[in-house]
């Protein structure tokens, strides 16, 4: 897994410490299905965002709170 620097143009909102590995798919292809392995620092909050592809999410350890839309709302915890 590689650490993605905060200056990464593809995901500029990711702070130092976020690690991402693309396992399947192409994030530049609309309609593709993407499988990523991601590691977030403790208490990380993903900012609201959209993308043109489908994601497959599996939580290996810990918990996440998810929300959909234009602003972050604590709606569901998994």
PDB file of N, CA and C in Angstrom:
ATOM      1  N   UNK A   1       0.854  -1.159   0.000  1.00  0.00           N
ATOM      2  CA  UNK A   1       0.000   0.000   0.000  1.00  0.00           C
ATOM      3  C   UNK A   1       0.901   1.222   0.000  1.00  0.00           C
ATOM      4  N   UNK A   2       0.465   2.255  -0.681  1.00  0.00           N
ATOM      5  CA  UNK A   2       1.272   3.469  -0.713  1.00  0.00           C
ATOM      6  C   UNK A   2       0.534   4.595  -0.008  1.00  0.00           C
ATOM      7  N   UNK A   3       1.305   5.458   0.598  1.00  0.00           N
ATOM      8  CA  UNK A   3       0.702   6.633   1.217  1.00  0.00           C
ATOM      9  C   UNK A   3       0.510   7.671   0.137  1.00  0.00           C
ATOM     10  N   UNK A   4      -0.661   8.240   0.078  1.00  0.00           N
ATOM     11  CA  UNK A   4      -0.968   9.241  -0.937  1.00  0.00           C
ATOM     12  C   UNK A   4      -0.742  10.620  -0.321  1.00  0.00           C
ATOM     13  N   UNK A   5       0.165  11.404  -0.882  1.00  0.00           N
ATOM     14  CA  UNK A   5       0.436  12.727  -0.303  1.00  0.00           C
ATOM     15  C   UNK A   5      -0.756  13.661  -0.431  1.00  0.00           C
ATOM     16  N   UNK A   6      -0.858  14.606   0.488  1.00  0.00           N
ATOM     17  CA  UNK A   6      -1.992  15.538   0.461  1.00  0.00           C
ATOM     18  C   UNK A   6      -1.991  16.413  -0.782  1.00  0.00           C
ATOM     19  N   UNK A   7      -0.875  16.489  -1.494  1.00  0.00           N
ATOM     20  CA  UNK A   7      -0.805  17.302  -2.707  1.00  0.00           C
ATOM     21  C   UNK A   7      -1.268  16.535  -3.943  1.00  0.00           C
ATOM     22  N   UNK A   8      -1.686  15.296  -3.771  1.00  0.00           N
ATOM     23  CA  UNK A   8      -2.121  14.463  -4.901  1.00  0.00           C
ATOM     24  C   UNK A   8      -3.307  15.124  -5.597  1.00  0.00           C
ATOM     25  N   UNK A   9      -3.161  15.421  -6.882  1.00  0.00           N
ATOM     26  CA  UNK A   9      -4.204  16.139  -7.628  1.00  0.00           C
ATOM     27  C   UNK A   9      -5.471  15.322  -7.765  1.00  0.00           C
ATOM     28  N   UNK A  10      -5.366  13.993  -7.765  1.00  0.00           N
ATOM     29  CA  UNK A  10      -6.543  13.146  -7.926  1.00  0.00           C
ATOM     30  C   UNK A  10      -7.452  13.206  -6.692  1.00  0.00           C
ATOM     31  N   UNK A  11      -6.872  13.258  -5.508  1.00  0.00           N
ATOM     32  CA  UNK A  11      -7.626  13.309  -4.265  1.00  0.00           C
ATOM     33  C   UNK A  11      -6.993  14.330  -3.321  1.00  0.00           C
ATOM     34  N   UNK A  12      -7.122  15.603  -3.626  1.00  0.00           N
ATOM     35  CA  UNK A  12      -6.425  16.618  -2.845  1.00  0.00           C
ATOM     36  C   UNK A  12      -6.922  16.745  -1.407  1.00  0.00           C
ATOM     37  N   UNK A  13      -8.084  16.184  -1.089  1.00  0.00           N
ATOM     38  CA  UNK A  13      -8.622  16.335   0.264  1.00  0.00           C
ATOM     39  C   UNK A  13      -8.037  15.319   1.237  1.00  0.00           C
ATOM     40  N   UNK A  14      -7.302  14.337   0.752  1.00  0.00           N
ATOM     41  CA  UNK A  14      -6.760  13.330   1.646  1.00  0.00           C
ATOM     42  C   UNK A  14      -5.538  13.868   2.379  1.00  0.00           C
ATOM     43  N   UNK A  15      -5.576  13.851   3.707  1.00  0.00           N
ATOM     44  CA  UNK A  15      -4.432  14.339   4.477  1.00  0.00           C
ATOM     45  C   UNK A  15      -3.323  13.290   4.541  1.00  0.00           C
ATOM     46  N   UNK A  16      -2.195  13.707   5.045  1.00  0.00           N
ATOM     47  CA  UNK A  16      -1.072  12.799   5.249  1.00  0.00           C
ATOM     48  C   UNK A  16      -1.537  11.644   6.132  1.00  0.00           C
ATOM     49  N   UNK A  17      -1.106  10.462   5.788  1.00  0.00           N
ATOM     50  CA  UNK A  17      -1.461   9.283   6.577  1.00  0.00           C
ATOM     51  C   UNK A  17      -2.515   8.409   5.925  1.00  0.00           C
ATOM     52  N   UNK A  18      -3.256   8.926   4.952  1.00  0.00           N
ATOM     53  CA  UNK A  18      -4.224   8.113   4.228  1.00  0.00           C
ATOM     54  C   UNK A  18      -3.455   7.224   3.255  1.00  0.00           C
ATOM     55  N   UNK A  19      -3.741   5.930   3.276  1.00  0.00           N
ATOM     56  CA  UNK A  19      -3.079   4.990   2.378  1.00  0.00           C
ATOM     57  C   UNK A  19      -4.119   4.379   1.444  1.00  0.00           C
ATOM     58  N   UNK A  20      -3.790   4.271   0.151  1.00  0.00           N
ATOM     59  CA  UNK A  20      -4.725   3.774  -0.844  1.00  0.00           C
ATOM     60  C   UNK A  20      -4.008   2.826  -1.799  1.00  0.00           C
ATOM     61  N   UNK A  21      -4.628   1.699  -2.082  1.00  0.00           N
ATOM     62  CA  UNK A  21      -4.149   0.785  -3.113  1.00  0.00           C
ATOM     63  C   UNK A  21      -5.349   0.405  -3.974  1.00  0.00           C
ATOM     64  N   UNK A  22      -5.251   0.603  -5.279  1.00  0.00           N
ATOM     65  CA  UNK A  22      -6.310   0.187  -6.194  1.00  0.00           C
ATOM     66  C   UNK A  22      -6.112  -1.289  -6.507  1.00  0.00           C
ATOM     67  N   UNK A  23      -7.110  -2.110  -6.165  1.00  0.00           N
ATOM     68  CA  UNK A  23      -7.020  -3.544  -6.402  1.00  0.00           C
ATOM     69  C   UNK A  23      -7.670  -3.936  -7.726  1.00  0.00           C
ATOM     70  N   UNK A  24      -8.810  -3.307  -8.039  1.00  0.00           N
ATOM     71  CA  UNK A  24      -9.552  -3.619  -9.260  1.00  0.00           C
ATOM     72  C   UNK A  24     -10.160  -2.337  -9.798  1.00  0.00           C
ATOM     73  N   UNK A  25     -10.140  -2.175 -11.112  1.00  0.00           N
ATOM     74  CA  UNK A  25     -10.842  -1.079 -11.754  1.00  0.00           C
ATOM     75  C   UNK A  25      -9.958   0.102 -12.098  1.00  0.00           C
ATOM     76  N   UNK A  26     -10.578   1.046 -12.786  1.00  0.00           N
ATOM     77  CA  UNK A  26      -9.906   2.254 -13.248  1.00  0.00           C
ATOM     78  C   UNK A  26     -10.747   3.454 -12.843  1.00  0.00           C
ATOM     79  N   UNK A  27     -10.233   4.256 -11.920  1.00  0.00           N
ATOM     80  CA  UNK A  27     -10.984   5.406 -11.402  1.00  0.00           C
ATOM     81  C   UNK A  27     -11.240   6.474 -12.453  1.00  0.00           C
ATOM     82  N   UNK A  28     -10.560   6.397 -13.578  1.00  0.00           N
ATOM     83  CA  UNK A  28     -10.774   7.396 -14.633  1.00  0.00           C
ATOM     84  C   UNK A  28     -11.874   6.987 -15.606  1.00  0.00           C
ATOM     85  N   UNK A  29     -12.413   5.779 -15.462  1.00  0.00           N
ATOM     86  CA  UNK A  29     -13.457   5.285 -16.369  1.00  0.00           C
ATOM     87  C   UNK A  29     -14.819   5.357 -15.717  1.00  0.00           C
ATOM     88  N   UNK A  30     -15.683   6.225 -16.223  1.00  0.00           N
ATOM     89  CA  UNK A  30     -17.048   6.342 -15.711  1.00  0.00           C
ATOM     90  C   UNK A  30     -17.760   5.009 -15.866  1.00  0.00           C
ATOM     91  N   UNK A  31     -18.485   4.609 -14.837  1.00  0.00           N
ATOM     92  CA  UNK A  31     -19.251   3.375 -14.881  1.00  0.00           C
ATOM     93  C   UNK A  31     -18.475   2.141 -14.465  1.00  0.00           C
ATOM     94  N   UNK A  32     -17.170   2.262 -14.270  1.00  0.00           N
ATOM     95  CA  UNK A  32     -16.368   1.122 -13.848  1.00  0.00           C
ATOM     96  C   UNK A  32     -16.680   0.796 -12.389  1.00  0.00           C
ATOM     97  N   UNK A  33     -16.381  -0.416 -11.956  1.00  0.00           N
ATOM     98  CA  UNK A  33     -16.493  -0.789 -10.549  1.00  0.00           C
ATOM     99  C   UNK A  33     -15.085  -0.820  -9.976  1.00  0.00           C
ATOM    100  N   UNK A  34     -14.905  -0.160  -8.844  1.00  0.00           N
ATOM    101  CA  UNK A  34     -13.596   0.025  -8.232  1.00  0.00           C
ATOM    102  C   UNK A  34     -13.533  -0.716  -6.898  1.00  0.00           C
ATOM    103  N   UNK A  35     -12.444  -1.408  -6.680  1.00  0.00           N
ATOM    104  CA  UNK A  35     -12.162  -1.989  -5.368  1.00  0.00           C
ATOM    105  C   UNK A  35     -10.827  -1.408  -4.919  1.00  0.00           C
ATOM    106  N   UNK A  36     -10.868  -0.694  -3.803  1.00  0.00           N
ATOM    107  CA  UNK A  36      -9.681  -0.063  -3.222  1.00  0.00           C
ATOM    108  C   UNK A  36      -9.421  -0.669  -1.857  1.00  0.00           C
ATOM    109  N   UNK A  37      -8.171  -0.715  -1.465  1.00  0.00           N
ATOM    110  CA  UNK A  37      -7.830  -0.989  -0.074  1.00  0.00           C
ATOM    111  C   UNK A  37      -7.374   0.336   0.490  1.00  0.00           C
ATOM    112  N   UNK A  38      -8.054   0.805   1.531  1.00  0.00           N
ATOM    113  CA  UNK A  38      -7.763   2.120   2.104  1.00  0.00           C
ATOM    114  C   UNK A  38      -7.518   1.977   3.595  1.00  0.00           C
ATOM    115  N   UNK A  39      -6.577   2.744   4.087  1.00  0.00           N
ATOM    116  CA  UNK A  39      -6.282   2.776   5.504  1.00  0.00           C
ATOM    117  C   UNK A  39      -6.319   4.237   5.935  1.00  0.00           C
ATOM    118  N   UNK A  40      -7.174   4.526   6.913  1.00  0.00           N
ATOM    119  CA  UNK A  40      -7.339   5.899   7.375  1.00  0.00           C
ATOM    120  C   UNK A  40      -6.798   6.062   8.785  1.00  0.00           C
ATOM    121  N   UNK A  41      -6.250   7.228   9.105  1.00  0.00           N
ATOM    122  CA  UNK A  41      -5.846   7.502  10.486  1.00  0.00           C
ATOM    123  C   UNK A  41      -7.071   7.505  11.401  1.00  0.00           C
ATOM    124  N   UNK A  42      -6.850   7.316  12.680  1.00  0.00           N
ATOM    125  CA  UNK A  42      -7.940   7.345  13.661  1.00  0.00           C
ATOM    126  C   UNK A  42      -8.720   8.656  13.541  1.00  0.00           C
ATOM    127  N   UNK A  43     -10.030   8.576  13.633  1.00  0.00           N
ATOM    128  CA  UNK A  43     -10.951   9.722  13.610  1.00  0.00           C
ATOM    129  C   UNK A  43     -10.967  10.472  12.283  1.00  0.00           C
ATOM    130  N   UNK A  44     -10.518   9.836  11.210  1.00  0.00           N
ATOM    131  CA  UNK A  44     -10.545  10.461   9.893  1.00  0.00           C
ATOM    132  C   UNK A  44     -11.997  10.664   9.449  1.00  0.00           C
ATOM    133  N   UNK A  45     -12.274  11.791   8.846  1.00  0.00           N
ATOM    134  CA  UNK A  45     -13.605  12.073   8.305  1.00  0.00           C
ATOM    135  C   UNK A  45     -13.479  12.357   6.816  1.00  0.00           C
ATOM    136  N   UNK A  46     -14.062  11.484   6.006  1.00  0.00           N
ATOM    137  CA  UNK A  46     -14.041  11.658   4.550  1.00  0.00           C
ATOM    138  C   UNK A  46     -14.960  12.821   4.191  1.00  0.00           C
ATOM    139  N   UNK A  47     -14.456  13.806   3.482  1.00  0.00           N
ATOM    140  CA  UNK A  47     -15.315  14.920   3.096  1.00  0.00           C
ATOM    141  C   UNK A  47     -16.341  14.471   2.053  1.00  0.00           C
ATOM    142  N   UNK A  48     -17.491  15.151   1.987  1.00  0.00           N
ATOM    143  CA  UNK A  48     -18.476  14.819   0.949  1.00  0.00           C
ATOM    144  C   UNK A  48     -17.824  14.884  -0.430  1.00  0.00           C
ATOM    145  N   UNK A  49     -18.158  13.909  -1.265  1.00  0.00           N
ATOM    146  CA  UNK A  49     -17.572  13.854  -2.600  1.00  0.00           C
ATOM    147  C   UNK A  49     -18.432  12.983  -3.511  1.00  0.00           C
ATOM    148  N   UNK A  50     -18.169  13.046  -4.781  1.00  0.00           N
ATOM    149  CA  UNK A  50     -18.822  12.177  -5.753  1.00  0.00           C
ATOM    150  C   UNK A  50     -17.759  11.611  -6.684  1.00  0.00           C
ATOM    151  N   UNK A  51     -18.128  10.570  -7.397  1.00  0.00           N
ATOM    152  CA  UNK A  51     -17.251  10.010  -8.411  1.00  0.00           C
ATOM    153  C   UNK A  51     -18.102   9.258  -9.421  1.00  0.00           C
ATOM    154  N   UNK A  52     -17.588   9.071 -10.643  1.00  0.00           N
ATOM    155  CA  UNK A  52     -18.384   8.480 -11.718  1.00  0.00           C
ATOM    156  C   UNK A  52     -18.334   6.955 -11.770  1.00  0.00           C
ATOM    157  N   UNK A  53     -17.882   6.310 -10.728  1.00  0.00           N
ATOM    158  CA  UNK A  53     -17.758   4.858 -10.722  1.00  0.00           C
ATOM    159  C   UNK A  53     -18.422   4.290  -9.480  1.00  0.00           C
ATOM    160  N   UNK A  54     -18.620   2.974  -9.470  1.00  0.00           N
ATOM    161  CA  UNK A  54     -19.184   2.278  -8.310  1.00  0.00           C
ATOM    162  C   UNK A  54     -18.047   1.789  -7.427  1.00  0.00           C
ATOM    163  N   UNK A  55     -18.286   1.792  -6.124  1.00  0.00           N
ATOM    164  CA  UNK A  55     -17.286   1.318  -5.174  1.00  0.00           C
ATOM    165  C   UNK A  55     -17.782   0.066  -4.473  1.00  0.00           C
ATOM    166  N   UNK A  56     -16.871  -0.814  -4.145  1.00  0.00           N
ATOM    167  CA  UNK A  56     -17.148  -1.962  -3.296  1.00  0.00           C
ATOM    168  C   UNK A  56     -16.431  -1.690  -1.983  1.00  0.00           C
ATOM    169  N   UNK A  57     -17.161  -1.713  -0.869  1.00  0.00           N
ATOM    170  CA  UNK A  57     -16.581  -1.383   0.431  1.00  0.00           C
ATOM    171  C   UNK A  57     -16.689  -2.580   1.365  1.00  0.00           C
ATOM    172  N   UNK A  58     -15.569  -2.980   1.947  1.00  0.00           N
ATOM    173  CA  UNK A  58     -15.522  -4.009   2.977  1.00  0.00           C
ATOM    174  C   UNK A  58     -14.715  -3.440   4.125  1.00  0.00           C
ATOM    175  N   UNK A  59     -15.272  -3.445   5.312  1.00  0.00           N
ATOM    176  CA  UNK A  59     -14.570  -2.931   6.486  1.00  0.00           C
ATOM    177  C   UNK A  59     -13.845  -4.103   7.137  1.00  0.00           C
ATOM    178  N   UNK A  60     -12.522  -4.010   7.186  1.00  0.00           N
ATOM    179  CA  UNK A  60     -11.718  -5.088   7.753  1.00  0.00           C
ATOM    180  C   UNK A  60     -11.559  -4.907   9.260  1.00  0.00           C
ATOM    181  N   UNK A  61     -11.407  -3.673   9.702  1.00  0.00           N
ATOM    182  CA  UNK A  61     -11.201  -3.406  11.114  1.00  0.00           C
ATOM    183  C   UNK A  61     -11.736  -2.023  11.448  1.00  0.00           C
ATOM    184  N   UNK A  62     -12.318  -1.891  12.631  1.00  0.00           N
ATOM    185  CA  UNK A  62     -12.821  -0.592  13.059  1.00  0.00           C
ATOM    186  C   UNK A  62     -14.248  -0.363  12.603  1.00  0.00           C
ATOM    187  N   UNK A  63     -14.647   0.886  12.567  1.00  0.00           N
ATOM    188  CA  UNK A  63     -16.005   1.255  12.190  1.00  0.00           C
ATOM    189  C   UNK A  63     -15.959   2.518  11.351  1.00  0.00           C
ATOM    190  N   UNK A  64     -16.973   2.708  10.535  1.00  0.00           N
ATOM    191  CA  UNK A  64     -17.095   3.943   9.757  1.00  0.00           C
ATOM    192  C   UNK A  64     -18.508   4.476   9.899  1.00  0.00           C
ATOM    193  N   UNK A  65     -18.641   5.758   9.742  1.00  0.00           N
ATOM    194  CA  UNK A  65     -19.948   6.407   9.647  1.00  0.00           C
ATOM    195  C   UNK A  65     -20.086   6.866   8.211  1.00  0.00           C
ATOM    196  N   UNK A  66     -21.228   6.582   7.615  1.00  0.00           N
ATOM    197  CA  UNK A  66     -21.417   6.930   6.211  1.00  0.00           C
ATOM    198  C   UNK A  66     -22.539   7.935   6.045  1.00  0.00           C
ATOM    199  N   UNK A  67     -22.462   8.660   4.960  1.00  0.00           N
ATOM    200  CA  UNK A  67     -23.474   9.649   4.617  1.00  0.00           C
ATOM    201  C   UNK A  67     -23.443   9.818   3.105  1.00  0.00           C
ATOM    202  N   UNK A  68     -24.554  10.195   2.527  1.00  0.00           N
ATOM    203  CA  UNK A  68     -24.603  10.481   1.099  1.00  0.00           C
ATOM    204  C   UNK A  68     -25.156  11.881   0.914  1.00  0.00           C
ATOM    205  N   UNK A  69     -24.698  12.556  -0.110  1.00  0.00           N
ATOM    206  CA  UNK A  69     -25.185  13.897  -0.379  1.00  0.00           C
ATOM    207  C   UNK A  69     -24.074  14.919  -0.368  1.00  0.00           C
ATOM    208  N   UNK A  70     -24.464  16.183  -0.248  1.00  0.00           N
ATOM    209  CA  UNK A  70     -23.510  17.280  -0.361  1.00  0.00           C
ATOM    210  C   UNK A  70     -22.871  17.691   0.949  1.00  0.00           C
ATOM    211  N   UNK A  71     -23.383  17.217   2.074  1.00  0.00           N
ATOM    212  CA  UNK A  71     -22.758  17.552   3.347  1.00  0.00           C
ATOM    213  C   UNK A  71     -22.701  16.313   4.224  1.00  0.00           C
ATOM    214  N   UNK A  72     -21.738  16.288   5.135  1.00  0.00           N
ATOM    215  CA  UNK A  72     -21.557  15.136   6.005  1.00  0.00           C
ATOM    216  C   UNK A  72     -22.599  15.159   7.108  1.00  0.00           C
ATOM    217  N   UNK A  73     -23.340  14.072   7.208  1.00  0.00           N
ATOM    218  CA  UNK A  73     -24.317  13.903   8.284  1.00  0.00           C
ATOM    219  C   UNK A  73     -24.108  12.524   8.879  1.00  0.00           C
ATOM    220  N   UNK A  74     -24.003  12.453  10.182  1.00  0.00           N
ATOM    221  CA  UNK A  74     -23.814  11.160  10.831  1.00  0.00           C
ATOM    222  C   UNK A  74     -25.139  10.407  10.797  1.00  0.00           C
ATOM    223  N   UNK A  75     -25.288   9.537   9.794  1.00  0.00           N
ATOM    224  CA  UNK A  75     -26.541   8.807   9.616  1.00  0.00           C
ATOM    225  C   UNK A  75     -26.418   7.328   9.942  1.00  0.00           C
ATOM    226  N   UNK A  76     -25.355   6.710   9.500  1.00  0.00           N
ATOM    227  CA  UNK A  76     -25.225   5.266   9.676  1.00  0.00           C
ATOM    228  C   UNK A  76     -23.816   4.929  10.121  1.00  0.00           C
ATOM    229  N   UNK A  77     -23.726   4.057  11.122  1.00  0.00           N
ATOM    230  CA  UNK A  77     -22.419   3.622  11.608  1.00  0.00           C
ATOM    231  C   UNK A  77     -22.323   2.121  11.378  1.00  0.00           C
ATOM    232  N   UNK A  78     -21.229   1.700  10.749  1.00  0.00           N
ATOM    233  CA  UNK A  78     -21.013   0.284  10.456  1.00  0.00           C
ATOM    234  C   UNK A  78     -19.744  -0.190  11.105  1.00  0.00           C
TER     235      UNK A  78
END
